[in-house]
Amino acid sequence: MSRDAHGHLNGSHAEFHGFSAEAFGFLKVLSVRQSSEWFQANKDVFERECKGPLTALVLRLGQALATRGIGLTCDPARAIFRIHRDTRFAHDKRPYKTNLGAALTRDGAKLSPGVLYIHIDPEGSFAAGGFFRPAPAAIAAIRTRVVERPAEILAAVGDLNEAGLMLDRDDVLKRAPRGFEGAGHPEIADLLRLKSLLVRRPLNRALCGDGDRLIETIASFAVAVHPLLQFGWAALP
């Protein structure tokens, strides 16, 4: 990878060959060797096999998504999650995460609503897209749009289902949210109870190790999820 005059990686020259067995091995050992001494001694492996490829993946995705008209910001400096955990208020004081992650959003801020998330993990990698536990005002706005435009959201969900992608229903309210109790259509009532509007696509180890196939798989996934993202974004400022 080359860098421009400001020191930023140049996406037009980014090469991504996939994640190596060494990358997964590093993360696997890190899960049991949670010490700064071990991490610092092996930091070159992390930089070369984990952070470097993830940076290249985000840059290459930027190119692939742009050609498909998907408006997501692919700036590695903003998209990639740090390997260090924030333990200030956590019961779990382990200092390091044991996965690699990146979140692509409209404005580049990781916590902005509407995301394409990439998760690389020895225990199971995946891509996810949609709205993960939006803030109260945001989920209320999205639910209002669901009620006002039922045909539009049902069409988007139907297209996802045809692509083999099902909304995550593990995170659901027991009853209709306050203010949305009167939804008559059973499918709409079901959608209103979801805390997230999110779909996932597993990424197996062989796929993660094949750069071109992984880029194509995630980009195609983003195309499938884009109507859901657009529906939610239209409800938000």
C-alpha atoms as a PDB file:
ATOM      1  CA  MET A   1       0.000   0.000   0.000  1.00  0.00           C
ATOM      2  CA  SER A   2       1.207   3.496  -0.761  1.00  0.00           C
ATOM      3  CA  ARG A   3       0.546   6.683   1.189  1.00  0.00           C
ATOM      4  CA  ASP A   4      -0.365  10.133  -0.062  1.00  0.00           C
ATOM      5  CA  ALA A   5       1.329  13.405   0.919  1.00  0.00           C
ATOM      6  CA  HIS A   6      -0.642  13.444   4.170  1.00  0.00           C
ATOM      7  CA  GLY A   7       0.410   9.930   5.137  1.00  0.00           C
ATOM      8  CA  HIS A   8      -2.973   8.340   4.399  1.00  0.00           C
ATOM      9  CA  LEU A   9      -3.172   4.957   2.728  1.00  0.00           C
ATOM     10  CA  ASN A  10      -3.999   5.267  -0.954  1.00  0.00           C
ATOM     11  CA  GLY A  11      -6.984   3.033  -1.685  1.00  0.00           C
ATOM     12  CA  SER A  12      -6.213   2.795  -5.401  1.00  0.00           C
ATOM     13  CA  HIS A  13      -3.081   0.833  -4.544  1.00  0.00           C
ATOM     14  CA  ALA A  14      -4.424  -1.158  -1.595  1.00  0.00           C
ATOM     15  CA  GLU A  15      -3.972  -4.883  -1.999  1.00  0.00           C
ATOM     16  CA  PHE A  16      -6.063  -7.294   0.010  1.00  0.00           C
ATOM     17  CA  HIS A  17      -5.278 -11.002  -0.124  1.00  0.00           C
ATOM     18  CA  GLY A  18      -7.506 -12.130   2.721  1.00  0.00           C
ATOM     19  CA  PHE A  19      -6.809 -13.004   6.337  1.00  0.00           C
ATOM     20  CA  SER A  20      -4.089 -15.551   6.912  1.00  0.00           C
ATOM     21  CA  ALA A  21      -4.011 -18.544   9.218  1.00  0.00           C
ATOM     22  CA  GLU A  22      -1.474 -16.545  11.220  1.00  0.00           C
ATOM     23  CA  ALA A  23      -4.046 -13.780  11.745  1.00  0.00           C
ATOM     24  CA  PHE A  24      -6.582 -16.210  13.159  1.00  0.00           C
ATOM     25  CA  GLY A  25      -3.857 -17.885  15.201  1.00  0.00           C
ATOM     26  CA  PHE A  26      -2.841 -14.548  16.701  1.00  0.00           C
ATOM     27  CA  LEU A  27      -6.436 -13.783  17.737  1.00  0.00           C
ATOM     28  CA  LYS A  28      -6.878 -17.283  19.140  1.00  0.00           C
ATOM     29  CA  VAL A  29      -3.777 -17.025  21.329  1.00  0.00           C
ATOM     30  CA  LEU A  30      -4.714 -13.477  22.333  1.00  0.00           C
ATOM     31  CA  SER A  31      -7.926 -14.837  23.829  1.00  0.00           C
ATOM     32  CA  VAL A  32      -5.840 -16.654  26.461  1.00  0.00           C
ATOM     33  CA  ARG A  33      -2.711 -14.461  26.548  1.00  0.00           C
ATOM     34  CA  GLN A  34      -4.386 -11.257  27.709  1.00  0.00           C
ATOM     35  CA  SER A  35      -1.256  -9.400  28.732  1.00  0.00           C
ATOM     36  CA  SER A  36       0.370  -6.254  27.398  1.00  0.00           C
ATOM     37  CA  GLU A  37       3.748  -8.025  27.556  1.00  0.00           C
ATOM     38  CA  TRP A  38       2.613 -10.760  25.154  1.00  0.00           C
ATOM     39  CA  PHE A  39       0.822  -8.300  22.887  1.00  0.00           C
ATOM     40  CA  GLN A  40       3.806  -5.981  22.611  1.00  0.00           C
ATOM     41  CA  ALA A  41       6.117  -8.915  21.915  1.00  0.00           C
ATOM     42  CA  ASN A  42       3.826  -9.969  19.057  1.00  0.00           C
ATOM     43  CA  LYS A  43       2.669  -6.556  17.885  1.00  0.00           C
ATOM     44  CA  ASP A  44       4.448  -6.962  14.548  1.00  0.00           C
ATOM     45  CA  VAL A  45       2.235  -9.987  13.826  1.00  0.00           C
ATOM     46  CA  PHE A  46      -0.870  -7.984  14.733  1.00  0.00           C
ATOM     47  CA  GLU A  47       0.155  -5.083  12.484  1.00  0.00           C
ATOM     48  CA  ARG A  48       1.137  -7.300   9.546  1.00  0.00           C
ATOM     49  CA  GLU A  49      -1.508 -10.037   9.654  1.00  0.00           C
ATOM     50  CA  CYS A  50      -4.497  -8.310  11.295  1.00  0.00           C
ATOM     51  CA  LYS A  51      -4.530  -4.523  11.176  1.00  0.00           C
ATOM     52  CA  GLY A  52      -2.868  -4.215   7.774  1.00  0.00           C
ATOM     53  CA  PRO A  53      -5.240  -6.606   5.977  1.00  0.00           C
ATOM     54  CA  LEU A  54      -8.292  -5.092   7.708  1.00  0.00           C
ATOM     55  CA  THR A  55      -7.209  -1.634   6.549  1.00  0.00           C
ATOM     56  CA  ALA A  56      -6.811  -2.926   3.009  1.00  0.00           C
ATOM     57  CA  LEU A  57     -10.206  -4.653   3.188  1.00  0.00           C
ATOM     58  CA  VAL A  58     -11.952  -1.407   4.159  1.00  0.00           C
ATOM     59  CA  LEU A  59     -10.195   0.501   1.378  1.00  0.00           C
ATOM     60  CA  ARG A  60     -11.021  -2.099  -1.244  1.00  0.00           C
ATOM     61  CA  LEU A  61     -14.619  -2.206  -0.046  1.00  0.00           C
ATOM     62  CA  GLY A  62     -14.762   1.548  -0.551  1.00  0.00           C
ATOM     63  CA  GLN A  63     -13.973   1.020  -4.209  1.00  0.00           C
ATOM     64  CA  ALA A  64     -16.379  -1.889  -4.595  1.00  0.00           C
ATOM     65  CA  LEU A  65     -19.250  -0.106  -2.859  1.00  0.00           C
ATOM     66  CA  ALA A  66     -18.731   3.118  -4.808  1.00  0.00           C
ATOM     67  CA  THR A  67     -19.116   1.278  -8.113  1.00  0.00           C
ATOM     68  CA  ARG A  68     -22.396  -0.168  -6.815  1.00  0.00           C
ATOM     69  CA  GLY A  69     -23.777   3.183  -5.648  1.00  0.00           C
ATOM     70  CA  ILE A  70     -23.650   2.317  -1.941  1.00  0.00           C
ATOM     71  CA  GLY A  71     -23.098   5.497   0.086  1.00  0.00           C
ATOM     72  CA  LEU A  72     -20.986   4.247   2.975  1.00  0.00           C
ATOM     73  CA  THR A  73     -17.803   5.927   4.217  1.00  0.00           C
ATOM     74  CA  CYS A  74     -14.803   3.613   4.040  1.00  0.00           C
ATOM     75  CA  ASP A  75     -12.093   5.509   5.897  1.00  0.00           C
ATOM     76  CA  PRO A  76     -10.060   2.960   7.880  1.00  0.00           C
ATOM     77  CA  ALA A  77      -9.026   5.573  10.447  1.00  0.00           C
ATOM     78  CA  ARG A  78     -12.690   6.006  11.388  1.00  0.00           C
ATOM     79  CA  ALA A  79     -14.174   2.614  10.559  1.00  0.00           C
ATOM     80  CA  ILE A  80     -11.827   0.174  12.280  1.00  0.00           C
ATOM     81  CA  PHE A  81     -12.357  -0.669  15.940  1.00  0.00           C
ATOM     82  CA  ARG A  82      -9.338  -0.598  18.222  1.00  0.00           C
ATOM     83  CA  ILE A  83      -8.065  -3.960  19.471  1.00  0.00           C
ATOM     84  CA  HIS A  84      -7.854  -2.481  22.975  1.00  0.00           C
ATOM     85  CA  ARG A  85     -11.004  -2.794  25.063  1.00  0.00           C
ATOM     86  CA  ASP A  86     -12.431   0.104  27.059  1.00  0.00           C
ATOM     87  CA  THR A  87     -12.468  -1.403  30.543  1.00  0.00           C
ATOM     88  CA  ARG A  88     -13.169   1.758  32.543  1.00  0.00           C
ATOM     89  CA  PHE A  89     -16.751   0.827  33.388  1.00  0.00           C
ATOM     90  CA  ALA A  90     -16.722  -2.869  32.463  1.00  0.00           C
ATOM     91  CA  HIS A  91     -16.822  -5.849  34.785  1.00  0.00           C
ATOM     92  CA  ASP A  92     -14.667  -7.728  32.256  1.00  0.00           C
ATOM     93  CA  LYS A  93     -11.212  -6.209  32.655  1.00  0.00           C
ATOM     94  CA  ARG A  94      -9.481  -8.132  29.862  1.00  0.00           C
ATOM     95  CA  PRO A  95      -7.459  -5.523  27.961  1.00  0.00           C
ATOM     96  CA  TYR A  96      -7.818  -6.858  24.413  1.00  0.00           C
ATOM     97  CA  LYS A  97     -10.617  -7.803  22.076  1.00  0.00           C
ATOM     98  CA  THR A  98     -10.233 -11.188  20.392  1.00  0.00           C
ATOM     99  CA  ASN A  99     -11.773 -10.208  17.059  1.00  0.00           C
ATOM    100  CA  LEU A 100     -11.251  -7.618  14.342  1.00  0.00           C
ATOM    101  CA  GLY A 101     -14.111  -5.279  13.516  1.00  0.00           C
ATOM    102  CA  ALA A 102     -15.005  -2.389  11.231  1.00  0.00           C
ATOM    103  CA  ALA A 103     -18.215  -0.354  10.955  1.00  0.00           C
ATOM    104  CA  LEU A 104     -19.056   1.488   7.726  1.00  0.00           C
ATOM    105  CA  THR A 105     -21.725   4.207   8.006  1.00  0.00           C
ATOM    106  CA  ARG A 106     -23.006   7.159   5.968  1.00  0.00           C
ATOM    107  CA  ASP A 107     -20.840   9.739   7.727  1.00  0.00           C
ATOM    108  CA  GLY A 108     -18.035   7.484   8.902  1.00  0.00           C
ATOM    109  CA  ALA A 109     -18.900   7.679  12.603  1.00  0.00           C
ATOM    110  CA  LYS A 110     -19.056   4.138  13.996  1.00  0.00           C
ATOM    111  CA  LEU A 111     -22.149   4.779  16.111  1.00  0.00           C
ATOM    112  CA  SER A 112     -24.218   6.473  13.403  1.00  0.00           C
ATOM    113  CA  PRO A 113     -27.477   4.603  12.680  1.00  0.00           C
ATOM    114  CA  GLY A 114     -27.387   2.335   9.655  1.00  0.00           C
ATOM    115  CA  VAL A 115     -24.241   0.234   9.384  1.00  0.00           C
ATOM    116  CA  LEU A 116     -22.350  -2.357   7.400  1.00  0.00           C
ATOM    117  CA  TYR A 117     -20.327  -4.182  10.054  1.00  0.00           C
ATOM    118  CA  ILE A 118     -17.497  -6.658   9.423  1.00  0.00           C
ATOM    119  CA  HIS A 119     -16.468  -9.073  12.173  1.00  0.00           C
ATOM    120  CA  ILE A 120     -13.392 -11.316  11.805  1.00  0.00           C
ATOM    121  CA  ASP A 121     -13.139 -13.879  14.587  1.00  0.00           C
ATOM    122  CA  PRO A 122     -11.629 -17.363  15.044  1.00  0.00           C
ATOM    123  CA  GLU A 123     -14.933 -18.348  16.657  1.00  0.00           C
ATOM    124  CA  GLY A 124     -17.011 -17.237  13.662  1.00  0.00           C
ATOM    125  CA  SER A 125     -16.784 -14.326  11.246  1.00  0.00           C
ATOM    126  CA  PHE A 126     -19.722 -12.489   9.698  1.00  0.00           C
ATOM    127  CA  ALA A 127     -20.975  -9.351   7.987  1.00  0.00           C
ATOM    128  CA  ALA A 128     -24.013  -7.568   9.395  1.00  0.00           C
ATOM    129  CA  GLY A 129     -26.101  -4.764   7.983  1.00  0.00           C
ATOM    130  CA  GLY A 130     -28.966  -2.575   9.100  1.00  0.00           C
ATOM    131  CA  PHE A 131     -29.835  -0.776  12.321  1.00  0.00           C
ATOM    132  CA  PHE A 132     -28.459  -2.226  15.544  1.00  0.00           C
ATOM    133  CA  ARG A 133     -30.329  -1.020  18.639  1.00  0.00           C
ATOM    134  CA  PRO A 134     -30.884   2.556  17.446  1.00  0.00           C
ATOM    135  CA  ALA A 135     -31.262   5.299  20.057  1.00  0.00           C
ATOM    136  CA  PRO A 136     -34.830   5.800  21.311  1.00  0.00           C
ATOM    137  CA  ALA A 137     -35.568   8.769  19.042  1.00  0.00           C
ATOM    138  CA  ALA A 138     -34.147   6.975  16.008  1.00  0.00           C
ATOM    139  CA  ILE A 139     -36.014   3.692  16.537  1.00  0.00           C
ATOM    140  CA  ALA A 140     -39.236   5.653  17.142  1.00  0.00           C
ATOM    141  CA  ALA A 141     -38.753   7.491  13.842  1.00  0.00           C
ATOM    142  CA  ILE A 142     -38.056   4.231  12.000  1.00  0.00           C
ATOM    143  CA  ARG A 143     -41.110   2.569  13.555  1.00  0.00           C
ATOM    144  CA  THR A 144     -43.273   5.516  12.524  1.00  0.00           C
ATOM    145  CA  ARG A 145     -42.080   5.089   8.946  1.00  0.00           C
ATOM    146  CA  VAL A 146     -42.809   1.350   9.149  1.00  0.00           C
ATOM    147  CA  VAL A 147     -46.426   2.164  10.085  1.00  0.00           C
ATOM    148  CA  GLU A 148     -46.739   4.867   7.436  1.00  0.00           C
ATOM    149  CA  ARG A 149     -45.126   2.880   4.606  1.00  0.00           C
ATOM    150  CA  PRO A 150     -45.905  -0.793   5.285  1.00  0.00           C
ATOM    151  CA  ALA A 151     -45.682  -1.873   1.653  1.00  0.00           C
ATOM    152  CA  GLU A 152     -42.205  -0.370   1.323  1.00  0.00           C
ATOM    153  CA  ILE A 153     -40.723  -2.080   4.373  1.00  0.00           C
ATOM    154  CA  LEU A 154     -42.413  -5.397   3.575  1.00  0.00           C
ATOM    155  CA  ALA A 155     -40.954  -5.249   0.062  1.00  0.00           C
ATOM    156  CA  ALA A 156     -37.479  -4.581   1.473  1.00  0.00           C
ATOM    157  CA  VAL A 157     -37.799  -7.470   3.934  1.00  0.00           C
ATOM    158  CA  GLY A 158     -39.141  -9.730   1.179  1.00  0.00           C
ATOM    159  CA  ASP A 159     -36.136  -8.942  -1.022  1.00  0.00           C
ATOM    160  CA  LEU A 160     -33.834  -9.767   1.883  1.00  0.00           C
ATOM    161  CA  ASN A 161     -35.582 -13.088   2.418  1.00  0.00           C
ATOM    162  CA  GLU A 162     -35.226 -13.941  -1.272  1.00  0.00           C
ATOM    163  CA  ALA A 163     -31.492 -13.281  -0.899  1.00  0.00           C
ATOM    164  CA  GLY A 164     -31.413 -15.748   2.004  1.00  0.00           C
ATOM    165  CA  LEU A 165     -31.152 -13.011   4.635  1.00  0.00           C
ATOM    166  CA  MET A 166     -33.522 -13.010   7.595  1.00  0.00           C
ATOM    167  CA  LEU A 167     -33.988 -10.212  10.112  1.00  0.00           C
ATOM    168  CA  ASP A 168     -32.455 -11.025  13.484  1.00  0.00           C
ATOM    169  CA  ARG A 169     -35.316 -11.836  15.848  1.00  0.00           C
ATOM    170  CA  ASP A 170     -33.252 -12.615  18.943  1.00  0.00           C
ATOM    171  CA  ASP A 171     -33.598  -9.025  20.158  1.00  0.00           C
ATOM    172  CA  VAL A 172     -37.357  -8.442  20.415  1.00  0.00           C
ATOM    173  CA  LEU A 173     -39.871  -6.788  22.739  1.00  0.00           C
ATOM    174  CA  LYS A 174     -42.464  -9.024  24.370  1.00  0.00           C
ATOM    175  CA  ARG A 175     -45.253  -6.642  23.355  1.00  0.00           C
ATOM    176  CA  ALA A 176     -45.785  -3.713  21.005  1.00  0.00           C
ATOM    177  CA  PRO A 177     -43.745  -0.627  21.882  1.00  0.00           C
ATOM    178  CA  ARG A 178     -45.613   2.249  23.507  1.00  0.00           C
ATOM    179  CA  GLY A 179     -47.449   4.322  20.914  1.00  0.00           C
ATOM    180  CA  PHE A 180     -47.479   1.512  18.324  1.00  0.00           C
ATOM    181  CA  GLU A 181     -50.032  -0.846  19.873  1.00  0.00           C
ATOM    182  CA  GLY A 182     -52.598  -0.503  17.093  1.00  0.00           C
ATOM    183  CA  ALA A 183     -50.724  -2.007  14.156  1.00  0.00           C
ATOM    184  CA  GLY A 184     -53.223  -4.340  12.504  1.00  0.00           C
ATOM    185  CA  HIS A 185     -51.018  -6.103   9.953  1.00  0.00           C
ATOM    186  CA  PRO A 186     -49.354  -9.032  11.769  1.00  0.00           C
ATOM    187  CA  GLU A 187     -46.070  -8.699   9.850  1.00  0.00           C
ATOM    188  CA  ILE A 188     -45.909  -4.988  10.637  1.00  0.00           C
ATOM    189  CA  ALA A 189     -46.724  -5.650  14.298  1.00  0.00           C
ATOM    190  CA  ASP A 190     -43.879  -8.176  14.327  1.00  0.00           C
ATOM    191  CA  LEU A 191     -41.416  -5.662  12.843  1.00  0.00           C
ATOM    192  CA  LEU A 192     -42.401  -3.007  15.362  1.00  0.00           C
ATOM    193  CA  ARG A 193     -41.380  -5.276  18.232  1.00  0.00           C
ATOM    194  CA  LEU A 194     -37.824  -5.641  16.959  1.00  0.00           C
ATOM    195  CA  LYS A 195     -35.182  -3.653  18.838  1.00  0.00           C
ATOM    196  CA  SER A 196     -32.885  -3.913  15.809  1.00  0.00           C
ATOM    197  CA  LEU A 197     -33.476  -4.195  12.066  1.00  0.00           C
ATOM    198  CA  LEU A 198     -30.432  -6.279  11.251  1.00  0.00           C
ATOM    199  CA  VAL A 199     -29.370  -9.150   9.006  1.00  0.00           C
ATOM    200  CA  ARG A 200     -26.187 -11.203   9.090  1.00  0.00           C
ATOM    201  CA  ARG A 201     -24.166 -13.159   6.573  1.00  0.00           C
ATOM    202  CA  PRO A 202     -21.687 -15.764   7.936  1.00  0.00           C
ATOM    203  CA  LEU A 203     -18.149 -15.639   6.513  1.00  0.00           C
ATOM    204  CA  ASN A 204     -16.363 -18.975   6.777  1.00  0.00           C
ATOM    205  CA  ARG A 205     -12.625 -19.317   7.266  1.00  0.00           C
ATOM    206  CA  ALA A 206     -11.892 -20.246   3.636  1.00  0.00           C
ATOM    207  CA  LEU A 207     -13.810 -17.206   2.393  1.00  0.00           C
ATOM    208  CA  CYS A 208     -11.988 -14.898   4.819  1.00  0.00           C
ATOM    209  CA  GLY A 209      -8.706 -16.143   3.394  1.00  0.00           C
ATOM    210  CA  ASP A 210      -9.636 -15.301  -0.215  1.00  0.00           C
ATOM    211  CA  GLY A 211      -9.341 -11.555  -0.730  1.00  0.00           C
ATOM    212  CA  ASP A 212     -11.263 -11.141  -3.974  1.00  0.00           C
ATOM    213  CA  ARG A 213     -14.079 -13.482  -2.980  1.00  0.00           C
ATOM    214  CA  LEU A 214     -14.455 -11.839   0.417  1.00  0.00           C
ATOM    215  CA  ILE A 215     -14.676  -8.372  -1.154  1.00  0.00           C
ATOM    216  CA  GLU A 216     -17.283  -9.571  -3.645  1.00  0.00           C
ATOM    217  CA  THR A 217     -19.288 -11.382  -0.962  1.00  0.00           C
ATOM    218  CA  ILE A 218     -19.426  -8.380   1.382  1.00  0.00           C
ATOM    219  CA  ALA A 219     -20.153  -5.949  -1.460  1.00  0.00           C
ATOM    220  CA  SER A 220     -23.018  -8.148  -2.706  1.00  0.00           C
ATOM    221  CA  PHE A 221     -24.311  -8.372   0.842  1.00  0.00           C
ATOM    222  CA  ALA A 222     -24.230  -4.563   1.065  1.00  0.00           C
ATOM    223  CA  VAL A 223     -26.259  -4.299  -2.144  1.00  0.00           C
ATOM    224  CA  ALA A 224     -28.887  -6.639  -0.683  1.00  0.00           C
ATOM    225  CA  VAL A 225     -29.041  -4.667   2.580  1.00  0.00           C
ATOM    226  CA  HIS A 226     -29.033  -1.228   0.956  1.00  0.00           C
ATOM    227  CA  PRO A 227     -32.850  -0.918   0.561  1.00  0.00           C
ATOM    228  CA  LEU A 228     -33.241  -1.583   4.296  1.00  0.00           C
ATOM    229  CA  LEU A 229     -30.621   1.047   5.068  1.00  0.00           C
ATOM    230  CA  GLN A 230     -32.293   3.545   2.761  1.00  0.00           C
ATOM    231  CA  PHE A 231     -35.670   2.906   4.367  1.00  0.00           C
ATOM    232  CA  GLY A 232     -34.296   3.632   7.830  1.00  0.00           C
ATOM    233  CA  TRP A 233     -32.185   6.592   6.757  1.00  0.00           C
ATOM    234  CA  ALA A 234     -35.228   8.214   5.159  1.00  0.00           C
ATOM    235  CA  ALA A 235     -36.843   8.318   8.606  1.00  0.00           C
ATOM    236  CA  LEU A 236     -33.882  10.065  10.224  1.00  0.00           C
ATOM    237  CA  PRO A 237     -32.507  13.613  10.049  1.00  0.00           C
END
